[in-house]
């Protein structure tokens, strides 16, 4: 009887482990996709408005850092 109870508990823990791994992976994929997509739009805007390579590089560094902080805070407060 004790062995059956242990096996049942082990299976439940394994199910919980797989569910948690799936949930974390899904959350990571969603957040990464949202941030990367938004940053891609910003990069496109910088490239269109740029008149030199230096402008693209400087705009890329500045806008990515500011926008990434905003997006992460926005998602945090939106929940």
Protein backbone atom coordinates (compact mmCIF):
# COMPACT_ATOMS: atom_id res chain seq x y z
CA UNK A 1 0.00 0.00 0.00
CA UNK A 2 2.83 2.38 0.86
CA UNK A 3 4.53 1.76 -2.50
CA UNK A 4 1.36 2.63 -4.40
CA UNK A 5 1.01 5.86 -2.47
CA UNK A 6 4.65 6.79 -3.18
CA UNK A 7 4.23 5.99 -6.88
CA UNK A 8 1.08 8.12 -7.01
CA UNK A 9 2.87 11.04 -5.33
CA UNK A 10 5.85 10.69 -7.68
CA UNK A 11 3.55 10.76 -10.72
CA UNK A 12 1.77 13.83 -9.37
CA UNK A 13 5.09 15.61 -8.81
CA UNK A 14 6.21 14.69 -12.33
CA UNK A 15 2.95 16.06 -13.74
CA UNK A 16 3.37 19.25 -11.74
CA UNK A 17 6.97 19.58 -12.96
CA UNK A 18 5.97 19.22 -16.61
CA UNK A 19 3.06 21.64 -16.19
CA UNK A 20 5.34 24.24 -14.56
CA UNK A 21 7.96 23.85 -17.29
CA UNK A 22 5.28 24.32 -19.95
CA UNK A 23 3.79 27.35 -18.17
CA UNK A 24 7.17 29.04 -17.72
CA UNK A 25 8.11 28.32 -21.32
CA UNK A 26 4.83 29.79 -22.57
CA UNK A 27 5.23 32.93 -20.47
CA UNK A 28 8.83 33.35 -21.63
CA UNK A 29 7.83 32.94 -25.28
CA UNK A 30 4.99 35.44 -24.97
CA UNK A 31 7.05 38.12 -23.24
CA UNK A 32 10.05 37.64 -25.50
CA UNK A 33 7.86 37.87 -28.57
CA UNK A 34 6.13 41.04 -27.39
CA UNK A 35 9.38 42.82 -26.51
CA UNK A 36 11.28 41.70 -29.61
CA UNK A 37 8.43 42.60 -31.95
CA UNK A 38 8.14 46.08 -30.45
CA UNK A 39 11.89 46.61 -30.62
CA UNK A 40 11.85 45.50 -34.25
CA UNK A 41 9.29 48.18 -35.06
CA UNK A 42 11.45 50.78 -33.35
CA UNK A 43 14.50 49.68 -35.33
CA UNK A 44 12.54 49.93 -38.58
CA UNK A 45 11.47 53.47 -37.67
CA UNK A 46 15.07 54.46 -36.89
CA UNK A 47 16.33 52.99 -40.17
CA UNK A 48 13.67 54.80 -42.21
CA UNK A 49 14.40 58.16 -40.56
CA UNK A 50 18.20 57.79 -40.58
CA UNK A 51 20.43 59.62 -42.98
CA UNK A 52 23.70 57.87 -42.06
CA UNK A 53 25.03 54.72 -40.46
CA UNK A 54 26.04 56.65 -37.35
CA UNK A 55 22.45 57.80 -36.87
CA UNK A 56 21.21 54.23 -37.09
CA UNK A 57 23.75 53.02 -34.54
CA UNK A 58 23.14 55.83 -32.05
CA UNK A 59 19.37 55.65 -32.42
CA UNK A 60 19.44 51.89 -32.13
CA UNK A 61 21.31 51.95 -28.81
CA UNK A 62 19.31 54.77 -27.25
CA UNK A 63 15.80 53.73 -28.33
CA UNK A 64 16.24 50.05 -27.52
CA UNK A 65 17.31 50.68 -23.97
CA UNK A 66 14.55 53.20 -23.27
CA UNK A 67 11.82 51.23 -25.01
CA UNK A 68 12.78 47.91 -23.40
CA UNK A 69 12.47 49.44 -19.92
CA UNK A 70 9.11 50.95 -20.83
CA UNK A 71 7.76 47.69 -22.27
CA UNK A 72 8.81 45.64 -19.29
CA UNK A 73 7.27 48.12 -16.86
CA UNK A 74 4.14 48.44 -19.00
CA UNK A 75 3.63 44.65 -19.03
CA UNK A 76 4.27 44.51 -15.28
CA UNK A 77 1.67 47.14 -14.41
CA UNK A 78 -0.80 45.90 -16.99
CA UNK A 79 -1.26 42.57 -15.20
